[in-house]
Amino acid sequence: MRVDKWLSAVNVVKRRTVATDMLKSGVVSVNGIVAKASKNVAVGDIVTIAYLKGSKSYKVLQIPTTKTVPKTQKDAFVEELDGE
């Protein structure tokens, strides 16, 4: 699954357009490498978002098969790691 779709599907960001803008700005990296929107994520990858007040990292636990995941099931798909 593309990283922009994944960020939106697992409710890390509210909309896919926001995820795409973040990727174009170069603030999203996958496994330590700055990613483009078309980059595919796999189970076990670490996705890091560099915000102005620090960064947050997320571990891919599962790839969703639907367009969005209910917020109550978010923990089954993504694990928030300690910020860097």
C-alpha atoms as a PDB file:
ATOM      1  CA  MET A   1       0.000   0.000   0.000  1.00  0.00           C
ATOM      2  CA  ARG A   2       1.239   3.501  -0.806  1.00  0.00           C
ATOM      3  CA  VAL A   3       2.460   5.463   2.199  1.00  0.00           C
ATOM      4  CA  ASP A   4       0.021   8.348   1.588  1.00  0.00           C
ATOM      5  CA  LYS A   5      -2.933   5.931   1.511  1.00  0.00           C
ATOM      6  CA  TRP A   6      -1.641   4.118   4.600  1.00  0.00           C
ATOM      7  CA  LEU A   7      -1.293   7.339   6.643  1.00  0.00           C
ATOM      8  CA  SER A   8      -4.873   8.265   5.843  1.00  0.00           C
ATOM      9  CA  ALA A   9      -6.355   4.752   6.160  1.00  0.00           C
ATOM     10  CA  VAL A  10      -5.010   4.145   9.680  1.00  0.00           C
ATOM     11  CA  ASN A  11      -6.020   7.631  10.887  1.00  0.00           C
ATOM     12  CA  VAL A  12      -2.521   9.055  11.395  1.00  0.00           C
ATOM     13  CA  VAL A  13      -3.630  12.069   9.306  1.00  0.00           C
ATOM     14  CA  LYS A  14      -7.201  13.156   8.617  1.00  0.00           C
ATOM     15  CA  ARG A  15      -7.105  13.267   4.812  1.00  0.00           C
ATOM     16  CA  ARG A  16      -4.990  11.736   2.073  1.00  0.00           C
ATOM     17  CA  THR A  17      -4.343  15.193   0.588  1.00  0.00           C
ATOM     18  CA  VAL A  18      -2.735  16.212   3.890  1.00  0.00           C
ATOM     19  CA  ALA A  19      -0.539  13.105   3.749  1.00  0.00           C
ATOM     20  CA  THR A  20       0.438  13.876   0.146  1.00  0.00           C
ATOM     21  CA  ASP A  21       1.359  17.466   1.065  1.00  0.00           C
ATOM     22  CA  MET A  22       3.495  16.212   3.957  1.00  0.00           C
ATOM     23  CA  LEU A  23       5.295  13.806   1.643  1.00  0.00           C
ATOM     24  CA  LYS A  24       5.914  16.557  -0.940  1.00  0.00           C
ATOM     25  CA  SER A  25       7.392  18.720   1.839  1.00  0.00           C
ATOM     26  CA  GLY A  26       9.836  15.958   2.733  1.00  0.00           C
ATOM     27  CA  VAL A  27       8.788  15.556   6.374  1.00  0.00           C
ATOM     28  CA  VAL A  28       7.804  11.878   6.097  1.00  0.00           C
ATOM     29  CA  SER A  29      10.404   9.130   6.051  1.00  0.00           C
ATOM     30  CA  VAL A  30      10.102   5.354   5.836  1.00  0.00           C
ATOM     31  CA  ASN A  31      12.868   3.396   7.579  1.00  0.00           C
ATOM     32  CA  GLY A  32      14.999   6.557   7.789  1.00  0.00           C
ATOM     33  CA  ILE A  33      14.732   7.477   4.091  1.00  0.00           C
ATOM     34  CA  VAL A  34      12.642  10.474   2.972  1.00  0.00           C
ATOM     35  CA  ALA A  35       9.683   9.034   1.096  1.00  0.00           C
ATOM     36  CA  LYS A  36       7.626  10.025  -1.919  1.00  0.00           C
ATOM     37  CA  ALA A  37       3.845   9.506  -1.958  1.00  0.00           C
ATOM     38  CA  SER A  38       4.210   6.457  -4.207  1.00  0.00           C
ATOM     39  CA  LYS A  39       6.522   4.623  -1.757  1.00  0.00           C
ATOM     40  CA  ASN A  40       5.004   1.332  -0.634  1.00  0.00           C
ATOM     41  CA  VAL A  41       4.962   0.391   3.049  1.00  0.00           C
ATOM     42  CA  ALA A  42       5.158  -3.143   4.362  1.00  0.00           C
ATOM     43  CA  VAL A  43       4.565  -4.777   7.738  1.00  0.00           C
ATOM     44  CA  GLY A  44       7.440  -3.891  10.063  1.00  0.00           C
ATOM     45  CA  ASP A  45       8.337  -0.573   8.399  1.00  0.00           C
ATOM     46  CA  ILE A  46       8.871   2.498  10.582  1.00  0.00           C
ATOM     47  CA  VAL A  47       7.176   5.668   9.298  1.00  0.00           C
ATOM     48  CA  THR A  48       8.454   8.907  10.865  1.00  0.00           C
ATOM     49  CA  ILE A  49       6.798  12.314  10.567  1.00  0.00           C
ATOM     50  CA  ALA A  50       8.899  15.371  11.467  1.00  0.00           C
ATOM     51  CA  TYR A  51       6.615  17.996  13.011  1.00  0.00           C
ATOM     52  CA  LEU A  52       7.754  21.486  14.027  1.00  0.00           C
ATOM     53  CA  LYS A  53       7.817  20.462  17.707  1.00  0.00           C
ATOM     54  CA  GLY A  54       9.570  17.119  17.299  1.00  0.00           C
ATOM     55  CA  SER A  55       8.821  13.948  15.419  1.00  0.00           C
ATOM     56  CA  LYS A  56       6.575  10.920  15.788  1.00  0.00           C
ATOM     57  CA  SER A  57       7.309   7.420  14.612  1.00  0.00           C
ATOM     58  CA  TYR A  58       4.812   4.717  13.763  1.00  0.00           C
ATOM     59  CA  LYS A  59       5.380   1.012  13.181  1.00  0.00           C
ATOM     60  CA  VAL A  60       3.305  -0.701  10.496  1.00  0.00           C
ATOM     61  CA  LEU A  61       1.624  -3.722  12.118  1.00  0.00           C
ATOM     62  CA  GLN A  62      -0.862  -4.574   9.357  1.00  0.00           C
ATOM     63  CA  ILE A  63      -1.849  -3.287   5.948  1.00  0.00           C
ATOM     64  CA  PRO A  64      -5.573  -2.411   5.892  1.00  0.00           C
ATOM     65  CA  THR A  65      -7.711  -3.954   3.167  1.00  0.00           C
ATOM     66  CA  THR A  66     -10.379  -1.246   3.359  1.00  0.00           C
ATOM     67  CA  LYS A  67     -10.215   2.471   2.548  1.00  0.00           C
ATOM     68  CA  THR A  68     -10.320   3.467   6.218  1.00  0.00           C
ATOM     69  CA  VAL A  69      -9.989   1.732   9.550  1.00  0.00           C
ATOM     70  CA  PRO A  70     -12.349   2.574  12.436  1.00  0.00           C
ATOM     71  CA  LYS A  71     -10.516   4.579  15.088  1.00  0.00           C
ATOM     72  CA  THR A  72     -11.311   1.871  17.637  1.00  0.00           C
ATOM     73  CA  GLN A  73      -9.277  -0.625  15.578  1.00  0.00           C
ATOM     74  CA  LYS A  74      -6.314   1.694  14.876  1.00  0.00           C
ATOM     75  CA  ASP A  75      -4.071  -0.094  17.408  1.00  0.00           C
ATOM     76  CA  ALA A  76      -4.245  -3.314  15.376  1.00  0.00           C
ATOM     77  CA  PHE A  77      -2.720  -1.587  12.333  1.00  0.00           C
ATOM     78  CA  VAL A  78      -0.251   0.945  13.750  1.00  0.00           C
ATOM     79  CA  GLU A  79       1.917   1.234  16.853  1.00  0.00           C
ATOM     80  CA  GLU A  80       3.027   4.705  17.935  1.00  0.00           C
ATOM     81  CA  LEU A  81       6.669   4.659  18.977  1.00  0.00           C
ATOM     82  CA  ASP A  82       8.442   7.189  21.183  1.00  0.00           C
ATOM     83  CA  GLY A  83       9.354  10.378  19.306  1.00  0.00           C
ATOM     84  CA  GLU A  84      12.951  11.053  18.413  1.00  0.00           C
END
